[in-house]
């Protein structure tokens, strides 16, 4: 549970920072937003795996 929630919050923070930075630096903000979204998506695997067991 802790791994899934930690990844989720790290991904959320990166995603939000990426959205903010994309208004100033498009490439860096986009990469951070996409990376944060991927981390948030991968965290759902760990969150769902905990509930299935």
PDB file of N, CA and C in Angstrom:
ATOM      1  N   UNK A   1       0.827  -1.193   0.000  1.00  0.00           N
ATOM      2  CA  UNK A   1       0.000   0.000   0.000  1.00  0.00           C
ATOM      3  C   UNK A   1       0.868   1.253   0.000  1.00  0.00           C
ATOM      4  N   UNK A   2       1.936   1.239   0.761  1.00  0.00           N
ATOM      5  CA  UNK A   2       2.768   2.428   0.848  1.00  0.00           C
ATOM      6  C   UNK A   2       3.467   2.707  -0.478  1.00  0.00           C
ATOM      7  N   UNK A   3       3.871   1.657  -1.196  1.00  0.00           N
ATOM      8  CA  UNK A   3       4.543   1.859  -2.473  1.00  0.00           C
ATOM      9  C   UNK A   3       3.599   2.481  -3.497  1.00  0.00           C
ATOM     10  N   UNK A   4       2.369   2.013  -3.545  1.00  0.00           N
ATOM     11  CA  UNK A   4       1.396   2.538  -4.484  1.00  0.00           C
ATOM     12  C   UNK A   4       1.035   3.985  -4.194  1.00  0.00           C
ATOM     13  N   UNK A   5       0.812   4.302  -2.932  1.00  0.00           N
ATOM     14  CA  UNK A   5       0.459   5.680  -2.565  1.00  0.00           C
ATOM     15  C   UNK A   5       1.626   6.631  -2.763  1.00  0.00           C
ATOM     16  N   UNK A   6       2.840   6.170  -2.468  1.00  0.00           N
ATOM     17  CA  UNK A   6       4.023   7.011  -2.670  1.00  0.00           C
ATOM     18  C   UNK A   6       4.210   7.327  -4.140  1.00  0.00           C
ATOM     19  N   UNK A   7       4.101   6.311  -4.988  1.00  0.00           N
ATOM     20  CA  UNK A   7       4.222   6.539  -6.427  1.00  0.00           C
ATOM     21  C   UNK A   7       3.120   7.455  -6.942  1.00  0.00           C
ATOM     22  N   UNK A   8       1.928   7.291  -6.409  1.00  0.00           N
ATOM     23  CA  UNK A   8       0.816   8.130  -6.842  1.00  0.00           C
ATOM     24  C   UNK A   8       1.075   9.599  -6.534  1.00  0.00           C
ATOM     25  N   UNK A   9       1.515   9.892  -5.310  1.00  0.00           N
ATOM     26  CA  UNK A   9       1.733  11.286  -4.939  1.00  0.00           C
ATOM     27  C   UNK A   9       2.938  11.893  -5.652  1.00  0.00           C
ATOM     28  N   UNK A  10       3.993  11.110  -5.870  1.00  0.00           N
ATOM     29  CA  UNK A  10       5.132  11.608  -6.644  1.00  0.00           C
ATOM     30  C   UNK A  10       4.691  11.915  -8.066  1.00  0.00           C
ATOM     31  N   UNK A  11       3.912  11.022  -8.665  1.00  0.00           N
ATOM     32  CA  UNK A  11       3.402  11.246 -10.013  1.00  0.00           C
ATOM     33  C   UNK A  11       2.484  12.445 -10.092  1.00  0.00           C
ATOM     34  N   UNK A  12       1.642  12.618  -9.078  1.00  0.00           N
ATOM     35  CA  UNK A  12       0.729  13.756  -9.052  1.00  0.00           C
ATOM     36  C   UNK A  12       1.496  15.073  -8.969  1.00  0.00           C
ATOM     37  N   UNK A  13       2.504  15.118  -8.122  1.00  0.00           N
ATOM     38  CA  UNK A  13       3.300  16.339  -7.986  1.00  0.00           C
ATOM     39  C   UNK A  13       4.037  16.642  -9.285  1.00  0.00           C
ATOM     40  N   UNK A  14       4.651  15.628  -9.896  1.00  0.00           N
ATOM     41  CA  UNK A  14       5.335  15.843 -11.173  1.00  0.00           C
ATOM     42  C   UNK A  14       4.362  16.297 -12.254  1.00  0.00           C
ATOM     43  N   UNK A  15       3.185  15.723 -12.263  1.00  0.00           N
ATOM     44  CA  UNK A  15       2.171  16.092 -13.248  1.00  0.00           C
ATOM     45  C   UNK A  15       1.753  17.554 -13.090  1.00  0.00           C
ATOM     46  N   UNK A  16       1.505  17.968 -11.847  1.00  0.00           N
ATOM     47  CA  UNK A  16       1.103  19.351 -11.592  1.00  0.00           C
ATOM     48  C   UNK A  16       2.217  20.340 -11.923  1.00  0.00           C
ATOM     49  N   UNK A  17       3.447  20.009 -11.551  1.00  0.00           N
ATOM     50  CA  UNK A  17       4.582  20.877 -11.885  1.00  0.00           C
ATOM     51  C   UNK A  17       4.755  20.942 -13.393  1.00  0.00           C
ATOM     52  N   UNK A  18       4.555  19.825 -14.075  1.00  0.00           N
ATOM     53  CA  UNK A  18       4.653  19.804 -15.530  1.00  0.00           C
ATOM     54  C   UNK A  18       3.617  20.694 -16.197  1.00  0.00           C
ATOM     55  N   UNK A  19       2.407  20.696 -15.663  1.00  0.00           N
ATOM     56  CA  UNK A  19       1.366  21.570 -16.215  1.00  0.00           C
ATOM     57  C   UNK A  19       1.749  23.038 -16.024  1.00  0.00           C
ATOM     58  N   UNK A  20       2.250  23.370 -14.853  1.00  0.00           N
ATOM     59  CA  UNK A  20       2.648  24.752 -14.589  1.00  0.00           C
ATOM     60  C   UNK A  20       3.823  25.161 -15.473  1.00  0.00           C
ATOM     61  N   UNK A  21       4.838  24.308 -15.573  1.00  0.00           N
ATOM     62  CA  UNK A  21       6.023  24.659 -16.357  1.00  0.00           C
ATOM     63  C   UNK A  21       5.754  24.706 -17.852  1.00  0.00           C
ATOM     64  N   UNK A  22       4.756  23.988 -18.311  1.00  0.00           N
ATOM     65  CA  UNK A  22       4.487  23.974 -19.749  1.00  0.00           C
ATOM     66  C   UNK A  22       4.025  25.336 -20.254  1.00  0.00           C
ATOM     67  N   UNK A  23       3.577  26.202 -19.349  1.00  0.00           N
ATOM     68  CA  UNK A  23       3.202  27.543 -19.785  1.00  0.00           C
ATOM     69  C   UNK A  23       4.425  28.423 -20.015  1.00  0.00           C
ATOM     70  N   UNK A  24       5.549  28.059 -19.426  1.00  0.00           N
ATOM     71  CA  UNK A  24       6.784  28.825 -19.592  1.00  0.00           C
ATOM     72  C   UNK A  24       7.781  28.109 -20.501  1.00  0.00           C
ATOM     73  N   UNK A  25       8.055  26.848 -20.201  1.00  0.00           N
ATOM     74  CA  UNK A  25       8.983  26.039 -20.987  1.00  0.00           C
ATOM     75  C   UNK A  25       8.221  24.813 -21.479  1.00  0.00           C
ATOM     76  N   UNK A  26       7.854  24.834 -22.736  1.00  0.00           N
ATOM     77  CA  UNK A  26       6.936  23.817 -23.273  1.00  0.00           C
ATOM     78  C   UNK A  26       7.520  22.410 -23.226  1.00  0.00           C
ATOM     79  N   UNK A  27       8.736  22.241 -23.671  1.00  0.00           N
ATOM     80  CA  UNK A  27       9.307  20.884 -23.758  1.00  0.00           C
ATOM     81  C   UNK A  27       9.513  20.283 -22.370  1.00  0.00           C
ATOM     82  N   UNK A  28      10.112  21.033 -21.467  1.00  0.00           N
ATOM     83  CA  UNK A  28      10.383  20.517 -20.117  1.00  0.00           C
ATOM     84  C   UNK A  28       9.073  20.229 -19.378  1.00  0.00           C
ATOM     85  N   UNK A  29       8.119  21.130 -19.478  1.00  0.00           N
ATOM     86  CA  UNK A  29       6.834  20.927 -18.816  1.00  0.00           C
ATOM     87  C   UNK A  29       6.077  19.740 -19.367  1.00  0.00           C
ATOM     88  N   UNK A  30       6.140  19.573 -20.689  1.00  0.00           N
ATOM     89  CA  UNK A  30       5.458  18.432 -21.297  1.00  0.00           C
ATOM     90  C   UNK A  30       6.084  17.120 -20.855  1.00  0.00           C
ATOM     91  N   UNK A  31       7.404  17.062 -20.838  1.00  0.00           N
ATOM     92  CA  UNK A  31       8.083  15.833 -20.414  1.00  0.00           C
ATOM     93  C   UNK A  31       7.793  15.510 -18.944  1.00  0.00           C
ATOM     94  N   UNK A  32       7.777  16.524 -18.111  1.00  0.00           N
ATOM     95  CA  UNK A  32       7.466  16.278 -16.699  1.00  0.00           C
ATOM     96  C   UNK A  32       6.011  15.849 -16.526  1.00  0.00           C
ATOM     97  N   UNK A  33       5.109  16.450 -17.292  1.00  0.00           N
ATOM     98  CA  UNK A  33       3.702  16.062 -17.208  1.00  0.00           C
ATOM     99  C   UNK A  33       3.468  14.640 -17.667  1.00  0.00           C
ATOM    100  N   UNK A  34       4.103  14.269 -18.757  1.00  0.00           N
ATOM    101  CA  UNK A  34       3.954  12.899 -19.265  1.00  0.00           C
ATOM    102  C   UNK A  34       4.586  11.905 -18.306  1.00  0.00           C
ATOM    103  N   UNK A  35       5.763  12.236 -17.787  1.00  0.00           N
ATOM    104  CA  UNK A  35       6.419  11.353 -16.820  1.00  0.00           C
ATOM    105  C   UNK A  35       5.595  11.179 -15.553  1.00  0.00           C
ATOM    106  N   UNK A  36       5.032  12.272 -15.058  1.00  0.00           N
ATOM    107  CA  UNK A  36       4.184  12.187 -13.871  1.00  0.00           C
ATOM    108  C   UNK A  36       2.928  11.371 -14.120  1.00  0.00           C
ATOM    109  N   UNK A  37       2.346  11.517 -15.301  1.00  0.00           N
ATOM    110  CA  UNK A  37       1.175  10.712 -15.648  1.00  0.00           C
ATOM    111  C   UNK A  37       1.497   9.237 -15.744  1.00  0.00           C
ATOM    112  N   UNK A  38       2.669   8.925 -16.261  1.00  0.00           N
ATOM    113  CA  UNK A  38       3.078   7.516 -16.345  1.00  0.00           C
ATOM    114  C   UNK A  38       3.315   6.927 -14.959  1.00  0.00           C
ATOM    115  N   UNK A  39       3.904   7.703 -14.072  1.00  0.00           N
ATOM    116  CA  UNK A  39       4.124   7.226 -12.697  1.00  0.00           C
ATOM    117  C   UNK A  39       2.786   7.030 -11.990  1.00  0.00           C
ATOM    118  N   UNK A  40       1.852   7.965 -12.190  1.00  0.00           N
ATOM    119  CA  UNK A  40       0.529   7.805 -11.576  1.00  0.00           C
ATOM    120  C   UNK A  40      -0.168   6.570 -12.140  1.00  0.00           C
ATOM    121  N   UNK A  41      -0.039   6.329 -13.423  1.00  0.00           N
ATOM    122  CA  UNK A  41      -0.666   5.156 -14.025  1.00  0.00           C
ATOM    123  C   UNK A  41      -0.067   3.858 -13.521  1.00  0.00           C
ATOM    124  N   UNK A  42       1.248   3.837 -13.351  1.00  0.00           N
ATOM    125  CA  UNK A  42       1.878   2.609 -12.863  1.00  0.00           C
ATOM    126  C   UNK A  42       1.559   2.362 -11.391  1.00  0.00           C
ATOM    127  N   UNK A  43       1.274   3.413 -10.644  1.00  0.00           N
ATOM    128  CA  UNK A  43       0.939   3.222  -9.232  1.00  0.00           C
ATOM    129  C   UNK A  43      -0.398   2.524  -9.065  1.00  0.00           C
ATOM    130  N   UNK A  44      -1.284   2.643 -10.036  1.00  0.00           N
ATOM    131  CA  UNK A  44      -2.579   1.981  -9.915  1.00  0.00           C
ATOM    132  C   UNK A  44      -2.443   0.465  -9.943  1.00  0.00           C
ATOM    133  N   UNK A  45      -1.380  -0.038 -10.556  1.00  0.00           N
ATOM    134  CA  UNK A  45      -1.130  -1.487 -10.533  1.00  0.00           C
ATOM    135  C   UNK A  45      -0.927  -1.958  -9.101  1.00  0.00           C
ATOM    136  N   UNK A  46      -0.100  -1.224  -8.347  1.00  0.00           N
ATOM    137  CA  UNK A  46       0.168  -1.626  -6.972  1.00  0.00           C
ATOM    138  C   UNK A  46      -1.056  -1.422  -6.084  1.00  0.00           C
ATOM    139  N   UNK A  47      -1.830  -0.373  -6.336  1.00  0.00           N
ATOM    140  CA  UNK A  47      -3.031  -0.141  -5.535  1.00  0.00           C
ATOM    141  C   UNK A  47      -4.081  -1.215  -5.812  1.00  0.00           C
ATOM    142  N   UNK A  48      -4.257  -1.595  -7.078  1.00  0.00           N
ATOM    143  CA  UNK A  48      -5.250  -2.618  -7.422  1.00  0.00           C
ATOM    144  C   UNK A  48      -4.792  -4.002  -6.993  1.00  0.00           C
ATOM    145  N   UNK A  49      -3.506  -4.267  -7.048  1.00  0.00           N
ATOM    146  CA  UNK A  49      -2.983  -5.577  -6.638  1.00  0.00           C
ATOM    147  C   UNK A  49      -3.234  -5.824  -5.159  1.00  0.00           C
ATOM    148  N   UNK A  50      -3.156  -4.786  -4.352  1.00  0.00           N
ATOM    149  CA  UNK A  50      -3.397  -4.911  -2.917  1.00  0.00           C
ATOM    150  C   UNK A  50      -4.852  -5.295  -2.633  1.00  0.00           C
ATOM    151  N   UNK A  51      -5.784  -4.750  -3.405  1.00  0.00           N
ATOM    152  CA  UNK A  51      -7.205  -5.024  -3.154  1.00  0.00           C
ATOM    153  C   UNK A  51      -7.633  -6.389  -3.672  1.00  0.00           C
ATOM    154  N   UNK A  52      -6.945  -6.933  -4.674  1.00  0.00           N
ATOM    155  CA  UNK A  52      -7.323  -8.239  -5.217  1.00  0.00           C
ATOM    156  C   UNK A  52      -6.870  -9.387  -4.322  1.00  0.00           C
ATOM    157  N   UNK A  53      -5.819  -9.199  -3.571  1.00  0.00           N
ATOM    158  CA  UNK A  53      -5.279 -10.302  -2.753  1.00  0.00           C
ATOM    159  C   UNK A  53      -6.095 -10.537  -1.512  1.00  0.00           C
TER     160      UNK A  53
END
